[in-house]
C-alpha atoms as a PDB file:
ATOM      1  CA  MET A   1       0.030  -0.025   0.073  1.00  0.00           C
ATOM      2  CA  GLN A   2       2.944   2.283   0.676  1.00  0.00           C
ATOM      3  CA  ARG A   3       4.077   2.145  -2.967  1.00  0.00           C
ATOM      4  CA  ILE A   4       0.630   3.240  -4.217  1.00  0.00           C
ATOM      5  CA  ASP A   5       0.377   6.117  -1.812  1.00  0.00           C
ATOM      6  CA  ASP A   6       3.935   7.159  -2.801  1.00  0.00           C
ATOM      7  CA  ASP A   7       2.983   6.981  -6.374  1.00  0.00           C
ATOM      8  CA  ARG A   8      -0.218   9.200  -5.871  1.00  0.00           C
ATOM      9  CA  ALA A   9       1.734  11.727  -3.744  1.00  0.00           C
ATOM     10  CA  ASP A  10       4.399  12.010  -6.553  1.00  0.00           C
ATOM     11  CA  ALA A  11       1.650  12.599  -9.053  1.00  0.00           C
ATOM     12  CA  TRP A  12       0.025  15.262  -6.886  1.00  0.00           C
ATOM     13  CA  PHE A  13       3.038  17.240  -6.204  1.00  0.00           C
ATOM     14  CA  HIS A  14       4.264  16.918  -9.853  1.00  0.00           C
ATOM     15  CA  ALA A  15       0.943  18.364 -10.975  1.00  0.00           C
ATOM     16  CA  LEU A  16       0.987  21.145  -8.352  1.00  0.00           C
ATOM     17  CA  SER A  17       4.546  22.010  -9.028  1.00  0.00           C
ATOM     18  CA  ASP A  18       3.593  24.309 -11.842  1.00  0.00           C
ATOM     19  CA  ARG A  19       1.976  27.774 -11.295  1.00  0.00           C
ATOM     20  CA  THR A  20      -0.201  27.370 -14.400  1.00  0.00           C
ATOM     21  CA  ARG A  21      -1.592  24.048 -13.165  1.00  0.00           C
ATOM     22  CA  ARG A  22      -2.274  25.560  -9.469  1.00  0.00           C
ATOM     23  CA  ASP A  23      -4.092  28.351 -11.121  1.00  0.00           C
ATOM     24  CA  ILE A  24      -6.138  25.958 -13.316  1.00  0.00           C
ATOM     25  CA  LEU A  25      -7.006  23.912 -10.423  1.00  0.00           C
ATOM     26  CA  ARG A  26      -8.163  26.998  -8.377  1.00  0.00           C
ATOM     27  CA  ARG A  27     -10.449  28.053 -11.225  1.00  0.00           C
ATOM     28  CA  VAL A  28     -12.184  24.683 -11.614  1.00  0.00           C
ATOM     29  CA  LEU A  29     -12.495  24.101  -7.986  1.00  0.00           C
ATOM     30  CA  ARG A  30     -14.742  27.218  -7.923  1.00  0.00           C
ATOM     31  CA  ARG A  31     -16.807  26.058 -10.822  1.00  0.00           C
ATOM     32  CA  GLU A  32     -16.833  23.712 -13.820  1.00  0.00           C
ATOM     33  CA  GLU A  33     -15.316  25.264 -16.742  1.00  0.00           C
ATOM     34  CA  SER A  34     -14.388  24.421 -20.516  1.00  0.00           C
ATOM     35  CA  VAL A  35     -10.883  23.867 -21.307  1.00  0.00           C
ATOM     36  CA  SER A  36     -11.193  26.420 -24.115  1.00  0.00           C
ATOM     37  CA  SER A  37     -12.467  29.064 -21.815  1.00  0.00           C
ATOM     38  CA  LEU A  38      -9.562  28.162 -19.440  1.00  0.00           C
ATOM     39  CA  ALA A  39      -7.095  28.701 -22.315  1.00  0.00           C
ATOM     40  CA  ARG A  40      -8.154  32.335 -22.802  1.00  0.00           C
ATOM     41  CA  ASN A  41      -6.545  33.073 -19.387  1.00  0.00           C
ATOM     42  CA  TYR A  42      -3.030  32.146 -20.337  1.00  0.00           C
ATOM     43  CA  PRO A  43      -0.571  33.249 -22.968  1.00  0.00           C
ATOM     44  CA  MET A  44      -0.115  29.829 -24.393  1.00  0.00           C
ATOM     45  CA  SER A  45      -1.882  27.673 -26.988  1.00  0.00           C
ATOM     46  CA  LEU A  46      -5.014  25.665 -26.260  1.00  0.00           C
ATOM     47  CA  THR A  47      -2.925  22.524 -26.827  1.00  0.00           C
ATOM     48  CA  ALA A  48      -0.572  23.648 -24.151  1.00  0.00           C
ATOM     49  CA  VAL A  49      -3.481  24.208 -21.599  1.00  0.00           C
ATOM     50  CA  GLN A  50      -5.002  20.918 -22.541  1.00  0.00           C
ATOM     51  CA  LYS A  51      -1.674  19.182 -21.635  1.00  0.00           C
ATOM     52  CA  HIS A  52      -1.800  20.809 -18.230  1.00  0.00           C
ATOM     53  CA  VAL A  53      -5.296  19.776 -17.683  1.00  0.00           C
ATOM     54  CA  VAL A  54      -4.252  16.123 -18.479  1.00  0.00           C
ATOM     55  CA  VAL A  55      -1.476  16.214 -15.893  1.00  0.00           C
ATOM     56  CA  LEU A  56      -4.030  17.417 -13.271  1.00  0.00           C
ATOM     57  CA  GLU A  57      -6.535  14.724 -14.427  1.00  0.00           C
ATOM     58  CA  ARG A  58      -4.095  11.954 -14.167  1.00  0.00           C
ATOM     59  CA  ALA A  59      -3.246  13.102 -10.737  1.00  0.00           C
ATOM     60  CA  GLY A  60      -6.790  12.939  -9.925  1.00  0.00           C
ATOM     61  CA  LEU A  61      -6.958  16.559  -9.092  1.00  0.00           C
ATOM     62  CA  LEU A  62      -9.569  17.150 -11.628  1.00  0.00           C
ATOM     63  CA  THR A  63     -12.249  15.386 -13.647  1.00  0.00           C
ATOM     64  CA  ARG A  64     -13.182  16.060 -17.247  1.00  0.00           C
ATOM     65  CA  ARG A  65     -16.375  15.248 -19.106  1.00  0.00           C
ATOM     66  CA  ARG A  66     -17.639  15.911 -22.639  1.00  0.00           C
ATOM     67  CA  HIS A  67     -20.669  18.204 -23.260  1.00  0.00           C
ATOM     68  CA  GLY A  68     -21.219  18.298 -26.919  1.00  0.00           C
ATOM     69  CA  ARG A  69     -18.002  19.529 -28.461  1.00  0.00           C
ATOM     70  CA  GLU A  70     -16.650  20.967 -25.232  1.00  0.00           C
ATOM     71  CA  SER A  71     -14.386  19.258 -22.656  1.00  0.00           C
ATOM     72  CA  LEU A  72     -15.438  20.575 -19.274  1.00  0.00           C
ATOM     73  CA  ALA A  73     -13.240  20.350 -16.107  1.00  0.00           C
ATOM     74  CA  ARG A  74     -14.149  20.229 -12.446  1.00  0.00           C
ATOM     75  CA  GLY A  75     -11.810  20.248  -9.443  1.00  0.00           C
ATOM     76  CA  ALA A  76     -11.583  17.197  -7.255  1.00  0.00           C
ATOM     77  CA  ALA A  77     -11.890  18.645  -3.786  1.00  0.00           C
ATOM     78  CA  GLY A  78     -11.924  15.150  -2.190  1.00  0.00           C
ATOM     79  CA  THR A  79      -8.364  14.339  -3.634  1.00  0.00           C
ATOM     80  CA  LEU A  80      -7.149  17.710  -2.242  1.00  0.00           C
ATOM     81  CA  ARG A  81      -8.446  16.604   1.127  1.00  0.00           C
ATOM     82  CA  THR A  82      -6.640  13.310   0.799  1.00  0.00           C
ATOM     83  CA  ALA A  83      -3.387  15.087  -0.075  1.00  0.00           C
ATOM     84  CA  SER A  84      -3.902  17.404   2.751  1.00  0.00           C
ATOM     85  CA  ALA A  85      -4.408  14.599   5.156  1.00  0.00           C
ATOM     86  CA  MET A  86      -1.222  12.858   3.949  1.00  0.00           C
ATOM     87  CA  LEU A  87       0.724  16.180   4.613  1.00  0.00           C
ATOM     88  CA  THR A  88      -0.840  16.528   7.972  1.00  0.00           C
ATOM     89  CA  GLU A  89       0.309  12.883   8.871  1.00  0.00           C
ATOM     90  CA  LEU A  90       3.775  13.509   7.538  1.00  0.00           C
ATOM     91  CA  GLU A  91       3.972  16.551   9.721  1.00  0.00           C
ATOM     92  CA  GLN A  92       2.861  14.592  12.855  1.00  0.00           C
ATOM     93  CA  SER A  93       5.369  11.694  12.246  1.00  0.00           C
END
């Protein structure tokens, strides 16, 4: 089980190590947003933003769903709570 937890933590912290990904996560925790509307907030291509979204999704920090032609992203607050609990446990060790 420790290996699985370590792999999950590695994915979380890799995803959160980038300021653009942290900003994307803040936005989609407030409300579900299309990836194309997210992209308008950054000085990069839609493809670059999509790659950031994929990293966050693989880490379990957001979920995506299709709605017609749009890809909608929503933050996964439960995963953040789990990561926070893990950090608290580490701090108390």
